[in-house]
């Protein structure tokens, strides 16, 4: 999978900044307010972030092979 530079930059920002921050926010607020199944939400967000990171890494690898 190859992404153009603009798409790659946006996905990279989401994977490296937004998703970890969102996961931490959900986990922290869930603990503080006693939300049910916070651990399930945090696990789900972590799995999505990991998957997106793998897709981004594959795109980077494909791009670097072309250089």
PDB file of N, CA and C in Angstrom:
ATOM      1  N   UNK A   1       0.848  -1.176   0.000  1.00  0.00           N
ATOM      2  CA  UNK A   1       0.000   0.000   0.000  1.00  0.00           C
ATOM      3  C   UNK A   1       0.889   1.231   0.000  1.00  0.00           C
ATOM      4  N   UNK A   2       0.645   2.136  -0.914  1.00  0.00           N
ATOM      5  CA  UNK A   2       1.425   3.367  -0.995  1.00  0.00           C
ATOM      6  C   UNK A   2       0.483   4.553  -0.839  1.00  0.00           C
ATOM      7  N   UNK A   3       0.865   5.473   0.039  1.00  0.00           N
ATOM      8  CA  UNK A   3       0.066   6.681   0.272  1.00  0.00           C
ATOM      9  C   UNK A   3       0.821   7.875  -0.284  1.00  0.00           C
ATOM     10  N   UNK A   4       0.077   8.907  -0.688  1.00  0.00           N
ATOM     11  CA  UNK A   4       0.758  10.135  -1.069  1.00  0.00           C
ATOM     12  C   UNK A   4       1.240  10.839   0.205  1.00  0.00           C
ATOM     13  N   UNK A   5       2.088  11.830   0.058  1.00  0.00           N
ATOM     14  CA  UNK A   5       2.714  12.482   1.217  1.00  0.00           C
ATOM     15  C   UNK A   5       1.703  13.104   2.172  1.00  0.00           C
ATOM     16  N   UNK A   6       0.688  13.750   1.633  1.00  0.00           N
ATOM     17  CA  UNK A   6      -0.305  14.410   2.491  1.00  0.00           C
ATOM     18  C   UNK A   6      -1.079  13.384   3.325  1.00  0.00           C
ATOM     19  N   UNK A   7      -1.497  12.318   2.688  1.00  0.00           N
ATOM     20  CA  UNK A   7      -2.220  11.261   3.409  1.00  0.00           C
ATOM     21  C   UNK A   7      -1.324  10.628   4.459  1.00  0.00           C
ATOM     22  N   UNK A   8      -0.086  10.329   4.081  1.00  0.00           N
ATOM     23  CA  UNK A   8       0.865   9.720   5.012  1.00  0.00           C
ATOM     24  C   UNK A   8       1.068  10.607   6.236  1.00  0.00           C
ATOM     25  N   UNK A   9       1.260  11.906   6.018  1.00  0.00           N
ATOM     26  CA  UNK A   9       1.473  12.829   7.138  1.00  0.00           C
ATOM     27  C   UNK A   9       0.268  12.857   8.075  1.00  0.00           C
ATOM     28  N   UNK A  10      -0.922  12.838   7.514  1.00  0.00           N
ATOM     29  CA  UNK A  10      -2.135  12.848   8.346  1.00  0.00           C
ATOM     30  C   UNK A  10      -2.279  11.548   9.128  1.00  0.00           C
ATOM     31  N   UNK A  11      -2.069  10.423   8.465  1.00  0.00           N
ATOM     32  CA  UNK A  11      -2.169   9.129   9.148  1.00  0.00           C
ATOM     33  C   UNK A  11      -1.105   9.024  10.234  1.00  0.00           C
ATOM     34  N   UNK A  12       0.098   9.460   9.930  1.00  0.00           N
ATOM     35  CA  UNK A  12       1.184   9.416  10.913  1.00  0.00           C
ATOM     36  C   UNK A  12       0.835  10.258  12.140  1.00  0.00           C
ATOM     37  N   UNK A  13       0.255  11.433  11.945  1.00  0.00           N
ATOM     38  CA  UNK A  13      -0.143  12.281  13.071  1.00  0.00           C
ATOM     39  C   UNK A  13      -1.220  11.594  13.907  1.00  0.00           C
ATOM     40  N   UNK A  14      -2.185  10.992  13.233  1.00  0.00           N
ATOM     41  CA  UNK A  14      -3.250  10.280  13.950  1.00  0.00           C
ATOM     42  C   UNK A  14      -2.664   9.137  14.770  1.00  0.00           C
ATOM     43  N   UNK A  15      -1.769   8.348  14.154  1.00  0.00           N
ATOM     44  CA  UNK A  15      -1.191   7.175  14.824  1.00  0.00           C
ATOM     45  C   UNK A  15      -0.261   7.581  15.963  1.00  0.00           C
ATOM     46  N   UNK A  16       0.549   8.604  15.757  1.00  0.00           N
ATOM     47  CA  UNK A  16       1.577   8.945  16.748  1.00  0.00           C
ATOM     48  C   UNK A  16       1.110   9.931  17.816  1.00  0.00           C
ATOM     49  N   UNK A  17       0.119  10.760  17.518  1.00  0.00           N
ATOM     50  CA  UNK A  17      -0.307  11.798  18.458  1.00  0.00           C
ATOM     51  C   UNK A  17      -1.741  11.579  18.940  1.00  0.00           C
ATOM     52  N   UNK A  18      -2.675  11.570  18.009  1.00  0.00           N
ATOM     53  CA  UNK A  18      -4.090  11.546  18.375  1.00  0.00           C
ATOM     54  C   UNK A  18      -4.515  10.265  19.093  1.00  0.00           C
ATOM     55  N   UNK A  19      -4.229   9.120  18.506  1.00  0.00           N
ATOM     56  CA  UNK A  19      -4.713   7.856  19.084  1.00  0.00           C
ATOM     57  C   UNK A  19      -4.126   7.570  20.468  1.00  0.00           C
ATOM     58  N   UNK A  20      -2.810   7.728  20.681  1.00  0.00           N
ATOM     59  CA  UNK A  20      -2.299   7.515  22.043  1.00  0.00           C
ATOM     60  C   UNK A  20      -2.889   8.505  23.051  1.00  0.00           C
ATOM     61  N   UNK A  21      -3.067   9.759  22.632  1.00  0.00           N
ATOM     62  CA  UNK A  21      -3.653  10.751  23.534  1.00  0.00           C
ATOM     63  C   UNK A  21      -5.107  10.407  23.850  1.00  0.00           C
ATOM     64  N   UNK A  22      -5.857   9.990  22.848  1.00  0.00           N
ATOM     65  CA  UNK A  22      -7.251   9.603  23.051  1.00  0.00           C
ATOM     66  C   UNK A  22      -7.353   8.381  23.962  1.00  0.00           C
ATOM     67  N   UNK A  23      -6.487   7.413  23.756  1.00  0.00           N
ATOM     68  CA  UNK A  23      -6.479   6.212  24.592  1.00  0.00           C
ATOM     69  C   UNK A  23      -6.202   6.569  26.045  1.00  0.00           C
ATOM     70  N   UNK A  24      -5.231   7.438  26.265  1.00  0.00           N
ATOM     71  CA  UNK A  24      -4.903   7.880  27.622  1.00  0.00           C
ATOM     72  C   UNK A  24      -6.058   8.652  28.240  1.00  0.00           C
ATOM     73  N   UNK A  25      -6.680   9.522  27.464  1.00  0.00           N
ATOM     74  CA  UNK A  25      -7.817  10.299  27.951  1.00  0.00           C
ATOM     75  C   UNK A  25      -8.977   9.392  28.359  1.00  0.00           C
ATOM     76  N   UNK A  26      -9.327   8.459  27.508  1.00  0.00           N
ATOM     77  CA  UNK A  26     -10.427   7.534  27.815  1.00  0.00           C
ATOM     78  C   UNK A  26     -10.095   6.708  29.050  1.00  0.00           C
ATOM     79  N   UNK A  27      -8.864   6.204  29.122  1.00  0.00           N
ATOM     80  CA  UNK A  27      -8.460   5.411  30.280  1.00  0.00           C
ATOM     81  C   UNK A  27      -8.480   6.208  31.568  1.00  0.00           C
ATOM     82  N   UNK A  28      -7.944   7.414  31.525  1.00  0.00           N
ATOM     83  CA  UNK A  28      -7.905   8.257  32.720  1.00  0.00           C
ATOM     84  C   UNK A  28      -9.279   8.698  33.184  1.00  0.00           C
ATOM     85  N   UNK A  29     -10.085   9.182  32.250  1.00  0.00           N
ATOM     86  CA  UNK A  29     -11.436   9.612  32.621  1.00  0.00           C
ATOM     87  C   UNK A  29     -12.296   8.429  33.062  1.00  0.00           C
ATOM     88  N   UNK A  30     -12.122   7.305  32.391  1.00  0.00           N
ATOM     89  CA  UNK A  30     -12.880   6.117  32.767  1.00  0.00           C
ATOM     90  C   UNK A  30     -12.586   5.679  34.186  1.00  0.00           C
ATOM     91  N   UNK A  31     -11.323   5.713  34.562  1.00  0.00           N
ATOM     92  CA  UNK A  31     -10.931   5.371  35.933  1.00  0.00           C
ATOM     93  C   UNK A  31     -11.475   6.403  36.915  1.00  0.00           C
ATOM     94  N   UNK A  32     -11.312   7.672  36.577  1.00  0.00           N
ATOM     95  CA  UNK A  32     -11.717   8.741  37.489  1.00  0.00           C
ATOM     96  C   UNK A  32     -13.227   8.760  37.735  1.00  0.00           C
ATOM     97  N   UNK A  33     -13.993   8.503  36.701  1.00  0.00           N
ATOM     98  CA  UNK A  33     -15.450   8.578  36.817  1.00  0.00           C
ATOM     99  C   UNK A  33     -16.131   7.219  36.967  1.00  0.00           C
ATOM    100  N   UNK A  34     -15.345   6.171  37.003  1.00  0.00           N
ATOM    101  CA  UNK A  34     -15.897   4.841  37.201  1.00  0.00           C
ATOM    102  C   UNK A  34     -16.742   4.328  36.044  1.00  0.00           C
ATOM    103  N   UNK A  35     -16.364   4.700  34.823  1.00  0.00           N
ATOM    104  CA  UNK A  35     -17.093   4.225  33.660  1.00  0.00           C
ATOM    105  C   UNK A  35     -16.932   2.710  33.536  1.00  0.00           C
ATOM    106  N   UNK A  36     -17.984   2.053  33.150  1.00  0.00           N
ATOM    107  CA  UNK A  36     -17.934   0.606  32.966  1.00  0.00           C
ATOM    108  C   UNK A  36     -17.149   0.225  31.722  1.00  0.00           C
ATOM    109  N   UNK A  37     -16.441  -0.846  31.804  1.00  0.00           N
ATOM    110  CA  UNK A  37     -15.684  -1.434  30.701  1.00  0.00           C
ATOM    111  C   UNK A  37     -14.668  -0.490  30.063  1.00  0.00           C
ATOM    112  N   UNK A  38     -14.079   0.363  30.887  1.00  0.00           N
ATOM    113  CA  UNK A  38     -13.028   1.249  30.388  1.00  0.00           C
ATOM    114  C   UNK A  38     -11.867   0.443  29.829  1.00  0.00           C
ATOM    115  N   UNK A  39     -11.551  -0.668  30.494  1.00  0.00           N
ATOM    116  CA  UNK A  39     -10.443  -1.499  30.021  1.00  0.00           C
ATOM    117  C   UNK A  39     -10.708  -2.032  28.614  1.00  0.00           C
ATOM    118  N   UNK A  40     -11.938  -2.362  28.309  1.00  0.00           N
ATOM    119  CA  UNK A  40     -12.294  -2.829  26.970  1.00  0.00           C
ATOM    120  C   UNK A  40     -12.111  -1.714  25.939  1.00  0.00           C
ATOM    121  N   UNK A  41     -12.513  -0.510  26.287  1.00  0.00           N
ATOM    122  CA  UNK A  41     -12.352   0.634  25.379  1.00  0.00           C
ATOM    123  C   UNK A  41     -10.878   0.928  25.131  1.00  0.00           C
ATOM    124  N   UNK A  42     -10.069   0.901  26.188  1.00  0.00           N
ATOM    125  CA  UNK A  42      -8.635   1.168  26.054  1.00  0.00           C
ATOM    126  C   UNK A  42      -7.970   0.077  25.213  1.00  0.00           C
ATOM    127  N   UNK A  43      -8.331  -1.167  25.449  1.00  0.00           N
ATOM    128  CA  UNK A  43      -7.781  -2.265  24.653  1.00  0.00           C
ATOM    129  C   UNK A  43      -8.144  -2.108  23.183  1.00  0.00           C
ATOM    130  N   UNK A  44      -9.380  -1.760  22.904  1.00  0.00           N
ATOM    131  CA  UNK A  44      -9.832  -1.571  21.525  1.00  0.00           C
ATOM    132  C   UNK A  44      -9.069  -0.442  20.848  1.00  0.00           C
ATOM    133  N   UNK A  45      -8.934   0.689  21.524  1.00  0.00           N
ATOM    134  CA  UNK A  45      -8.193   1.818  20.955  1.00  0.00           C
ATOM    135  C   UNK A  45      -6.728   1.458  20.717  1.00  0.00           C
ATOM    136  N   UNK A  46      -6.137   0.705  21.633  1.00  0.00           N
ATOM    137  CA  UNK A  46      -4.742   0.286  21.479  1.00  0.00           C
ATOM    138  C   UNK A  46      -4.581  -0.641  20.277  1.00  0.00           C
ATOM    139  N   UNK A  47      -5.508  -1.569  20.105  1.00  0.00           N
ATOM    140  CA  UNK A  47      -5.451  -2.473  18.951  1.00  0.00           C
ATOM    141  C   UNK A  47      -5.593  -1.712  17.635  1.00  0.00           C
ATOM    142  N   UNK A  48      -6.495  -0.751  17.591  1.00  0.00           N
ATOM    143  CA  UNK A  48      -6.674   0.058  16.380  1.00  0.00           C
ATOM    144  C   UNK A  48      -5.407   0.855  16.086  1.00  0.00           C
ATOM    145  N   UNK A  49      -4.815   1.441  17.115  1.00  0.00           N
ATOM    146  CA  UNK A  49      -3.587   2.217  16.946  1.00  0.00           C
ATOM    147  C   UNK A  49      -2.457   1.341  16.429  1.00  0.00           C
ATOM    148  N   UNK A  50      -2.325   0.150  16.988  1.00  0.00           N
ATOM    149  CA  UNK A  50      -1.280  -0.778  16.554  1.00  0.00           C
ATOM    150  C   UNK A  50      -1.479  -1.183  15.099  1.00  0.00           C
ATOM    151  N   UNK A  51      -2.713  -1.487  14.722  1.00  0.00           N
ATOM    152  CA  UNK A  51      -3.007  -1.845  13.339  1.00  0.00           C
ATOM    153  C   UNK A  51      -2.666  -0.690  12.394  1.00  0.00           C
ATOM    154  N   UNK A  52      -3.085   0.518  12.752  1.00  0.00           N
ATOM    155  CA  UNK A  52      -2.795   1.684  11.912  1.00  0.00           C
ATOM    156  C   UNK A  52      -1.291   1.924  11.809  1.00  0.00           C
ATOM    157  N   UNK A  53      -0.568   1.696  12.897  1.00  0.00           N
ATOM    158  CA  UNK A  53       0.885   1.828  12.875  1.00  0.00           C
ATOM    159  C   UNK A  53       1.526   0.832  11.925  1.00  0.00           C
ATOM    160  N   UNK A  54       1.022  -0.399  11.911  1.00  0.00           N
ATOM    161  CA  UNK A  54       1.550  -1.421  11.000  1.00  0.00           C
ATOM    162  C   UNK A  54       1.299  -1.048   9.544  1.00  0.00           C
ATOM    163  N   UNK A  55       0.111  -0.532   9.253  1.00  0.00           N
ATOM    164  CA  UNK A  55      -0.207  -0.104   7.889  1.00  0.00           C
ATOM    165  C   UNK A  55       0.704   1.053   7.474  1.00  0.00           C
ATOM    166  N   UNK A  56       0.931   1.976   8.378  1.00  0.00           N
ATOM    167  CA  UNK A  56       1.809   3.113   8.095  1.00  0.00           C
ATOM    168  C   UNK A  56       3.237   2.647   7.860  1.00  0.00           C
ATOM    169  N   UNK A  57       3.714   1.716   8.678  1.00  0.00           N
ATOM    170  CA  UNK A  57       5.068   1.180   8.511  1.00  0.00           C
ATOM    171  C   UNK A  57       5.214   0.480   7.167  1.00  0.00           C
ATOM    172  N   UNK A  58       4.204  -0.284   6.767  1.00  0.00           N
ATOM    173  CA  UNK A  58       4.239  -0.969   5.467  1.00  0.00           C
ATOM    174  C   UNK A  58       4.294   0.042   4.335  1.00  0.00           C
ATOM    175  N   UNK A  59       3.540   1.111   4.446  1.00  0.00           N
ATOM    176  CA  UNK A  59       3.566   2.154   3.426  1.00  0.00           C
ATOM    177  C   UNK A  59       4.949   2.794   3.347  1.00  0.00           C
ATOM    178  N   UNK A  60       5.552   3.041   4.500  1.00  0.00           N
ATOM    179  CA  UNK A  60       6.900   3.616   4.544  1.00  0.00           C
ATOM    180  C   UNK A  60       7.902   2.676   3.896  1.00  0.00           C
ATOM    181  N   UNK A  61       7.789   1.399   4.208  1.00  0.00           N
ATOM    182  CA  UNK A  61       8.687   0.394   3.632  1.00  0.00           C
ATOM    183  C   UNK A  61       8.555   0.347   2.115  1.00  0.00           C
ATOM    184  N   UNK A  62       7.335   0.353   1.614  1.00  0.00           N
ATOM    185  CA  UNK A  62       7.112   0.349   0.165  1.00  0.00           C
ATOM    186  C   UNK A  62       7.686   1.598  -0.486  1.00  0.00           C
ATOM    187  N   UNK A  63       7.518   2.732   0.150  1.00  0.00           N
ATOM    188  CA  UNK A  63       8.031   3.994  -0.383  1.00  0.00           C
ATOM    189  C   UNK A  63       9.552   3.965  -0.454  1.00  0.00           C
ATOM    190  N   UNK A  64      10.189   3.478   0.619  1.00  0.00           N
ATOM    191  CA  UNK A  64      11.655   3.448   0.666  1.00  0.00           C
ATOM    192  C   UNK A  64      12.246   2.458  -0.335  1.00  0.00           C
ATOM    193  N   UNK A  65      11.535   1.403  -0.683  1.00  0.00           N
ATOM    194  CA  UNK A  65      12.013   0.442  -1.677  1.00  0.00           C
ATOM    195  C   UNK A  65      12.086   1.066  -3.064  1.00  0.00           C
ATOM    196  N   UNK A  66      11.243   2.062  -3.313  1.00  0.00           N
ATOM    197  CA  UNK A  66      11.210   2.708  -4.625  1.00  0.00           C
ATOM    198  C   UNK A  66      12.338   3.706  -4.808  1.00  0.00           C
ATOM    199  N   UNK A  67      12.927   4.174  -3.710  1.00  0.00           N
ATOM    200  CA  UNK A  67      14.012   5.172  -3.816  1.00  0.00           C
ATOM    201  C   UNK A  67      15.312   4.550  -4.241  1.00  0.00           C
TER     202      UNK A  67
END
